[in-house]
Amino acid sequence: MTAVKPQQAPAFMKAPPADLAAVLFHGSDPGLVSERAAALAKSLAARESPPGEVLKLDESELDEDPARLETELQTRPMFSGRRIVRAIASRRVSTALLKPLLSSGPLEGLLVVEAGNLKADDSLRVLFESQSRCFAVACYPDSAADIDTLISEVLSSFSLTIEGDARALLQSRLGADRALSRAEIEKLALFCLGRPSITHDDVEGLVGDAAGLALERIAEAVAEGRTKSAISDFGRALASGENAQVIISIVQRYFLKLHRVRSDVDAGQRLDDALRSIRPPLFFKQKDSFSRQVRSWSRGQLDQALRRISEAAKAARLTSSLEDVIAERLILALASMAAVSAAAAGGR
């Protein structure tokens, strides 16, 4: 029954309490929430004897079987240690469902829940902070010291060093999201393998701004037609203080990039060559999804999407009091277009 503050989180992660039953990771850094949830689940499984297994339940699985979470937590595996169940806070993983479960006595499994930025009086956060053997861990954007430690950790794993001015520039471009920060450092390391040191020019040419990358994830979800993810990330961005007009501009920039590559392909260029021309370059984990989007969207459909984005941007500037609503409607409209584009591409 403890609220773990950001400065206490590293120590908690290194030595989680022996009597721990359930943990809630929450905060405005979704990448850090996810990274810590995965790391804790792995370490909890490893300390079981015999080792336990990690089971991640998504919302679709819980929709099909609403009792699945309770069943998994109350069942002792026959051939392994306790099961560690990971889930994301949702209508199927809510205070109403978890309160009786966590109050009923010792569970056979351990529960790790991920959530967004929760206010101090949010019922889910209050539950984990007040319930016996439960913990709520706050995850907020990395401090300068956290970022410096992350840079050293990742580059050390690649046996790379970085020049002082390059490190300072890299620090300035990271921090909005732990997962994105790690991905950007890994991308930089992969491009610089075999060099004596990473330079300022390397960072300048290869690493984007992390806050922008977090917002670009909204655009990526929109372009793939993943409406639920796009709206969820959009809501988190607004909750963390991002401006809806900035989000619209990020979506516009992303679709302009799609349009440019699609145009190059239509002009006869190989897709791989067109992708390599993008600056800053795509992270390798983005390449597959971006390639699917280029194949899915025709140039005409992208023209139409860019017109809608331009109209939304103008409307948001003229009526700033409605910018959140305008941006959300744009996201829904573009995600719907993406679904139509994907269906059309499948039939071509």
Protein backbone atom coordinates (compact mmCIF):
# COMPACT_ATOMS: atom_id res chain seq x y z
CA MET A 1 0.00 0.00 0.00
CA THR A 2 2.53 2.49 -1.25
CA ALA A 3 2.84 5.35 -3.70
CA VAL A 4 6.29 5.05 -5.29
CA LYS A 5 7.55 8.49 -6.29
CA PRO A 6 9.62 9.02 -9.46
CA GLN A 7 12.88 9.35 -7.53
CA GLN A 8 12.12 6.12 -5.64
CA ALA A 9 11.27 4.11 -8.76
CA PRO A 10 14.82 2.95 -9.70
CA ALA A 11 15.37 1.45 -6.24
CA PHE A 12 11.92 -0.17 -6.35
CA MET A 13 12.72 -1.71 -9.74
CA LYS A 14 16.06 -3.10 -8.51
CA ALA A 15 14.58 -4.67 -5.39
CA PRO A 16 10.79 -5.09 -5.55
CA PRO A 17 9.23 -6.01 -2.18
CA ALA A 18 9.08 -9.73 -1.47
CA ASP A 19 5.38 -9.57 -0.53
CA LEU A 20 4.33 -7.65 -3.65
CA ALA A 21 0.97 -8.72 -5.07
CA ALA A 22 0.15 -6.06 -7.67
CA VAL A 23 1.77 -2.99 -9.22
CA LEU A 24 0.33 -0.08 -11.18
CA PHE A 25 2.68 1.89 -13.43
CA HIS A 26 1.17 5.26 -14.38
CA GLY A 27 2.28 8.64 -15.68
CA SER A 28 2.72 10.92 -18.66
CA ASP A 29 5.61 8.92 -20.20
CA PRO A 30 3.94 5.89 -21.85
CA GLY A 31 7.28 4.52 -23.00
CA LEU A 32 8.65 4.48 -19.46
CA VAL A 33 5.40 2.96 -18.16
CA SER A 34 5.66 0.13 -20.68
CA GLU A 35 9.41 -0.38 -20.23
CA ARG A 36 9.15 -0.61 -16.45
CA ALA A 37 6.11 -2.89 -16.58
CA ALA A 38 7.95 -5.29 -18.91
CA ALA A 39 11.15 -5.18 -16.86
CA LEU A 40 9.39 -5.77 -13.54
CA ALA A 41 7.32 -8.64 -14.92
CA LYS A 42 10.49 -10.27 -16.24
CA SER A 43 12.35 -9.88 -12.93
CA LEU A 44 9.39 -11.14 -10.88
CA ALA A 45 9.16 -14.23 -13.10
CA ALA A 46 12.91 -14.85 -12.76
CA ARG A 47 12.88 -14.77 -8.98
CA GLU A 48 10.26 -17.53 -8.78
CA SER A 49 11.48 -21.09 -8.23
CA PRO A 50 10.92 -22.65 -10.67
CA PRO A 51 10.79 -19.51 -12.85
CA GLY A 52 7.34 -18.11 -13.49
CA GLU A 53 5.82 -17.15 -16.81
CA VAL A 54 4.75 -13.70 -18.02
CA LEU A 55 1.32 -13.46 -19.60
CA LYS A 56 0.23 -10.26 -21.33
CA LEU A 57 -3.53 -9.88 -21.83
CA ASP A 58 -4.81 -7.33 -24.31
CA GLU A 59 -8.26 -5.78 -24.40
CA SER A 60 -9.51 -7.97 -27.26
CA GLU A 61 -8.74 -11.13 -25.24
CA LEU A 62 -10.56 -9.72 -22.22
CA ASP A 63 -13.52 -8.72 -24.39
CA GLU A 64 -13.81 -12.32 -25.55
CA ASP A 65 -13.47 -13.66 -22.00
CA PRO A 66 -14.12 -10.98 -19.32
CA ALA A 67 -13.27 -13.45 -16.53
CA ARG A 68 -9.86 -14.30 -18.01
CA LEU A 69 -7.89 -11.87 -15.83
CA GLU A 70 -9.38 -13.21 -12.60
CA THR A 71 -8.96 -16.82 -13.74
CA GLU A 72 -5.27 -16.36 -14.56
CA LEU A 73 -4.55 -14.63 -11.25
CA GLN A 74 -6.32 -17.29 -9.20
CA THR A 75 -4.80 -20.32 -10.95
CA ARG A 76 -1.48 -21.82 -9.88
CA PRO A 77 0.53 -23.20 -12.84
CA MET A 78 1.41 -26.89 -12.52
CA PHE A 79 4.93 -26.78 -13.90
CA SER A 80 6.24 -23.28 -13.24
CA GLY A 81 6.37 -20.60 -10.59
CA ARG A 82 3.65 -18.03 -10.16
CA ARG A 83 2.25 -16.41 -13.28
CA ILE A 84 2.88 -12.68 -13.75
CA VAL A 85 -0.08 -11.15 -15.58
CA ARG A 86 0.36 -7.88 -17.48
CA ALA A 87 -2.62 -5.78 -18.55
CA ILE A 88 -3.46 -2.22 -19.58
CA ALA A 89 -6.03 -0.21 -17.64
CA SER A 90 -9.32 -0.22 -19.56
CA ARG A 91 -12.99 -0.96 -19.03
CA ARG A 92 -11.98 -4.62 -18.58
CA VAL A 93 -9.17 -3.70 -16.18
CA SER A 94 -10.92 -1.14 -14.00
CA THR A 95 -11.22 -0.19 -10.35
CA ALA A 96 -14.62 -1.88 -10.18
CA LEU A 97 -13.14 -5.17 -11.39
CA LEU A 98 -9.83 -5.05 -9.52
CA LYS A 99 -10.99 -3.87 -6.10
CA PRO A 100 -12.82 -7.08 -5.08
CA LEU A 101 -10.06 -9.17 -6.66
CA LEU A 102 -7.26 -7.45 -4.74
CA SER A 103 -9.30 -7.38 -1.52
CA SER A 104 -10.19 -11.08 -1.56
CA GLY A 105 -6.93 -12.32 -0.10
CA PRO A 106 -3.66 -13.68 -1.57
CA LEU A 107 -3.71 -14.39 -5.30
CA GLU A 108 -1.91 -17.24 -7.02
CA GLY A 109 -0.46 -14.83 -9.58
CA LEU A 110 1.07 -11.35 -9.58
CA LEU A 111 -0.54 -8.44 -11.41
CA VAL A 112 1.22 -5.65 -13.34
CA VAL A 113 -1.04 -2.92 -14.75
CA GLU A 114 -0.13 -0.05 -17.10
CA ALA A 115 -2.07 3.23 -17.19
CA GLY A 116 -1.77 6.77 -18.49
CA ASN A 117 -1.44 10.00 -16.55
CA LEU A 118 -3.72 9.53 -13.52
CA LYS A 119 -4.70 12.34 -11.17
CA ALA A 120 -4.01 11.88 -7.46
CA ASP A 121 -7.70 11.20 -6.78
CA ASP A 122 -8.19 8.75 -9.66
CA SER A 123 -9.90 5.66 -8.24
CA LEU A 124 -7.45 3.20 -9.83
CA ARG A 125 -4.43 5.04 -8.48
CA VAL A 126 -6.05 5.37 -5.03
CA LEU A 127 -6.78 1.62 -5.03
CA PHE A 128 -3.16 0.64 -5.65
CA GLU A 129 -1.82 3.25 -3.23
CA SER A 130 -4.10 2.11 -0.41
CA GLN A 131 -4.52 -1.65 -0.88
CA SER A 132 -2.31 -4.00 1.10
CA ARG A 133 0.70 -5.39 -0.85
CA CYS A 134 -0.08 -3.14 -3.81
CA PHE A 135 2.09 -0.37 -5.24
CA ALA A 136 1.57 2.57 -7.62
CA VAL A 137 4.72 3.70 -9.44
CA ALA A 138 4.77 7.17 -11.01
CA CYS A 139 6.49 7.41 -14.43
CA TYR A 140 7.18 10.91 -15.71
CA PRO A 141 9.52 12.19 -18.46
CA ASP A 142 13.20 11.62 -17.78
CA SER A 143 15.31 14.29 -16.10
CA ALA A 144 18.60 15.42 -17.66
CA ALA A 145 20.45 12.99 -15.38
CA ASP A 146 18.13 10.12 -16.39
CA ILE A 147 18.71 10.85 -20.07
CA ASP A 148 22.48 10.99 -19.58
CA THR A 149 22.38 7.61 -17.82
CA LEU A 150 20.26 6.12 -20.62
CA ILE A 151 22.68 7.40 -23.28
CA SER A 152 25.64 5.85 -21.46
CA GLU A 153 23.80 2.58 -20.90
CA VAL A 154 22.73 2.10 -24.52
CA LEU A 155 25.98 3.25 -26.15
CA SER A 156 28.00 1.08 -23.77
CA SER A 157 26.03 -1.96 -24.94
CA PHE A 158 27.20 -1.15 -28.50
CA SER A 159 30.79 -0.42 -27.34
CA LEU A 160 30.49 3.15 -28.62
CA THR A 161 31.63 6.50 -27.24
CA ILE A 162 30.20 9.94 -27.96
CA GLU A 163 31.88 13.36 -28.17
CA GLY A 164 30.91 15.99 -25.59
CA ASP A 165 29.07 18.37 -27.92
CA ALA A 166 27.29 15.43 -29.54
CA ARG A 167 26.12 14.17 -26.13
CA ALA A 168 24.78 17.63 -25.25
CA LEU A 169 22.83 17.81 -28.52
CA LEU A 170 21.52 14.27 -28.09
CA GLN A 171 20.34 15.07 -24.55
CA SER A 172 18.43 18.10 -25.84
CA ARG A 173 16.50 15.94 -28.30
CA LEU A 174 15.45 13.20 -25.92
CA GLY A 175 13.22 12.81 -22.90
CA ALA A 176 9.57 13.05 -23.93
CA ASP A 177 9.10 9.27 -24.00
CA ARG A 178 11.52 6.65 -22.62
CA ALA A 179 10.78 4.08 -25.34
CA LEU A 180 11.27 6.63 -28.11
CA SER A 181 14.45 7.96 -26.48
CA ARG A 182 15.90 4.45 -26.27
CA ALA A 183 14.88 3.75 -29.87
CA GLU A 184 16.56 6.95 -31.10
CA ILE A 185 19.80 6.17 -29.25
CA GLU A 186 19.77 2.61 -30.63
CA LYS A 187 19.17 3.94 -34.15
CA LEU A 188 22.12 6.31 -33.75
CA ALA A 189 24.31 3.49 -32.44
CA LEU A 190 23.43 1.17 -35.32
CA PHE A 191 24.30 3.84 -37.89
CA CYS A 192 27.61 4.60 -36.16
CA LEU A 193 28.86 1.05 -35.54
CA GLY A 194 32.52 0.72 -36.43
CA ARG A 195 33.32 4.41 -35.97
CA PRO A 196 35.71 5.59 -33.25
CA SER A 197 33.17 7.99 -31.78
CA ILE A 198 29.74 9.54 -32.41
CA THR A 199 29.98 13.17 -33.57
CA HIS A 200 27.76 16.24 -33.43
CA ASP A 201 27.02 15.83 -37.16
CA ASP A 202 25.89 12.24 -36.60
CA VAL A 203 23.35 13.33 -34.00
CA GLU A 204 22.24 16.32 -36.07
CA GLY A 205 21.56 14.16 -39.09
CA LEU A 206 20.05 11.11 -37.46
CA VAL A 207 18.13 12.01 -34.31
CA GLY A 208 14.78 13.77 -34.27
CA ASP A 209 13.18 15.63 -31.37
CA ALA A 210 11.67 13.08 -28.93
CA ALA A 211 8.56 15.14 -28.18
CA GLY A 212 7.90 15.28 -31.91
CA LEU A 213 8.48 11.54 -32.20
CA ALA A 214 5.90 10.89 -29.48
CA LEU A 215 3.40 12.96 -31.45
CA GLU A 216 4.43 11.29 -34.71
CA ARG A 217 3.22 8.03 -33.19
CA ILE A 218 -0.30 9.50 -33.40
CA ALA A 219 0.20 10.18 -37.10
CA GLU A 220 1.55 6.67 -37.67
CA ALA A 221 -1.51 5.13 -36.01
CA VAL A 222 -3.82 7.37 -38.06
CA ALA A 223 -2.13 6.42 -41.34
CA GLU A 224 -2.57 2.72 -40.53
CA GLY A 225 -6.21 3.12 -39.52
CA ARG A 226 -5.54 2.18 -35.88
CA THR A 227 -8.25 4.50 -34.59
CA LYS A 228 -8.23 3.35 -30.96
CA SER A 229 -4.45 3.78 -30.62
CA ALA A 230 -4.51 7.16 -32.34
CA ILE A 231 -7.26 8.54 -30.11
CA SER A 232 -5.61 7.10 -26.99
CA ASP A 233 -2.22 8.66 -27.83
CA PHE A 234 -3.96 11.92 -28.75
CA GLY A 235 -5.67 12.03 -25.36
CA ARG A 236 -2.39 11.33 -23.56
CA ALA A 237 -0.67 14.09 -25.52
CA LEU A 238 -3.34 16.63 -24.56
CA ALA A 239 -3.20 15.50 -20.92
CA SER A 240 0.56 16.08 -20.87
CA GLY A 241 0.10 19.66 -22.12
CA GLU A 242 0.59 19.31 -25.89
CA ASN A 243 -1.26 21.73 -28.17
CA ALA A 244 -3.83 20.33 -30.61
CA GLN A 245 -2.60 22.64 -33.39
CA VAL A 246 0.91 21.25 -32.96
CA ILE A 247 -0.48 17.73 -33.25
CA ILE A 248 -2.28 18.67 -36.48
CA SER A 249 0.99 20.02 -37.88
CA ILE A 250 2.82 16.79 -36.96
CA VAL A 251 0.12 14.76 -38.74
CA GLN A 252 0.46 17.07 -41.74
CA ARG A 253 4.24 16.64 -41.82
CA TYR A 254 3.88 12.85 -41.62
CA PHE A 255 1.39 12.72 -44.48
CA LEU A 256 3.60 15.01 -46.57
CA LYS A 257 6.40 12.49 -46.05
CA LEU A 258 4.08 9.67 -47.18
CA HIS A 259 3.04 11.75 -50.20
CA ARG A 260 6.65 12.42 -51.20
CA VAL A 261 7.62 8.74 -51.04
CA ARG A 262 4.42 7.65 -52.81
CA SER A 263 5.15 10.18 -55.58
CA ASP A 264 8.72 8.89 -55.95
CA VAL A 265 7.44 5.32 -56.23
CA ASP A 266 4.81 6.34 -58.79
CA ALA A 267 7.59 8.03 -60.77
CA GLY A 268 9.42 4.70 -61.01
CA GLN A 269 11.74 4.75 -58.01
CA ARG A 270 12.11 1.57 -55.97
CA LEU A 271 10.37 1.79 -52.61
CA ASP A 272 13.54 0.91 -50.67
CA ASP A 273 15.45 3.68 -52.45
CA ALA A 274 12.67 6.18 -51.76
CA LEU A 275 12.65 5.22 -48.08
CA ARG A 276 16.42 5.64 -47.82
CA SER A 277 16.09 9.23 -49.04
CA ILE A 278 14.01 10.26 -46.00
CA ARG A 279 15.79 12.62 -43.58
CA PRO A 280 16.04 12.12 -40.66
CA PRO A 281 16.02 8.43 -41.64
CA LEU A 282 13.32 6.09 -40.41
CA PHE A 283 14.16 3.94 -37.40
CA PHE A 284 14.33 0.31 -38.53
CA LYS A 285 11.24 -0.55 -36.46
CA GLN A 286 9.24 2.08 -38.39
CA LYS A 287 10.23 0.88 -41.84
CA ASP A 288 7.72 -1.97 -42.17
CA SER A 289 4.71 0.09 -41.05
CA PHE A 290 5.70 3.08 -43.20
CA SER A 291 6.19 0.79 -46.21
CA ARG A 292 2.71 -0.68 -45.69
CA GLN A 293 1.26 2.81 -45.56
CA VAL A 294 2.99 3.86 -48.78
CA ARG A 295 1.60 0.78 -50.52
CA SER A 296 -1.85 1.29 -49.02
CA TRP A 297 -2.38 4.98 -49.79
CA SER A 298 -2.60 6.10 -53.41
CA ARG A 299 -1.31 9.53 -54.38
CA GLY A 300 -4.88 10.71 -54.97
CA GLN A 301 -5.96 9.56 -51.52
CA LEU A 302 -2.98 11.31 -49.96
CA ASP A 303 -3.88 14.49 -51.87
CA GLN A 304 -7.37 14.28 -50.37
CA ALA A 305 -5.98 13.63 -46.89
CA LEU A 306 -3.64 16.61 -47.10
CA ARG A 307 -6.54 18.86 -48.14
CA ARG A 308 -8.52 17.73 -45.08
CA ILE A 309 -5.52 18.33 -42.84
CA SER A 310 -5.02 21.81 -44.29
CA GLU A 311 -8.70 22.65 -43.72
CA ALA A 312 -8.52 21.39 -40.13
CA ALA A 313 -5.35 23.38 -39.44
CA LYS A 314 -7.03 26.56 -40.71
CA ALA A 315 -10.19 25.91 -38.68
CA ALA A 316 -8.15 25.28 -35.51
CA ARG A 317 -6.28 28.57 -35.98
CA LEU A 318 -9.50 30.52 -36.50
CA THR A 319 -11.39 28.84 -33.63
CA SER A 320 -8.76 27.93 -31.06
CA SER A 321 -11.40 27.20 -28.41
CA LEU A 322 -12.46 24.19 -30.51
CA GLU A 323 -8.99 23.04 -31.58
CA ASP A 324 -9.13 19.82 -29.51
CA VAL A 325 -12.45 18.82 -31.09
CA ILE A 326 -11.25 19.75 -34.58
CA ALA A 327 -8.06 17.70 -34.17
CA GLU A 328 -9.95 14.68 -32.82
CA ARG A 329 -12.42 14.78 -35.74
CA LEU A 330 -9.50 14.98 -38.16
CA ILE A 331 -7.89 11.92 -36.57
CA LEU A 332 -11.14 9.96 -36.84
CA ALA A 333 -11.66 11.02 -40.47
CA LEU A 334 -8.12 10.15 -41.54
CA ALA A 335 -8.18 6.80 -39.75
CA SER A 336 -11.42 6.00 -41.58
CA MET A 337 -9.77 6.95 -44.88
CA ALA A 338 -6.85 4.67 -43.99
CA ALA A 339 -9.20 1.73 -43.56
CA VAL A 340 -10.73 2.41 -46.98
CA SER A 341 -7.26 2.78 -48.52
CA ALA A 342 -6.10 -0.50 -47.02
CA ALA A 343 -9.18 -2.30 -48.33
CA ALA A 344 -8.66 -0.83 -51.79
CA ALA A 345 -4.98 -1.76 -51.77
CA GLY A 346 -5.89 -5.32 -50.83
CA GLY A 347 -8.08 -5.55 -53.88
CA ARG A 348 -5.52 -4.15 -56.29
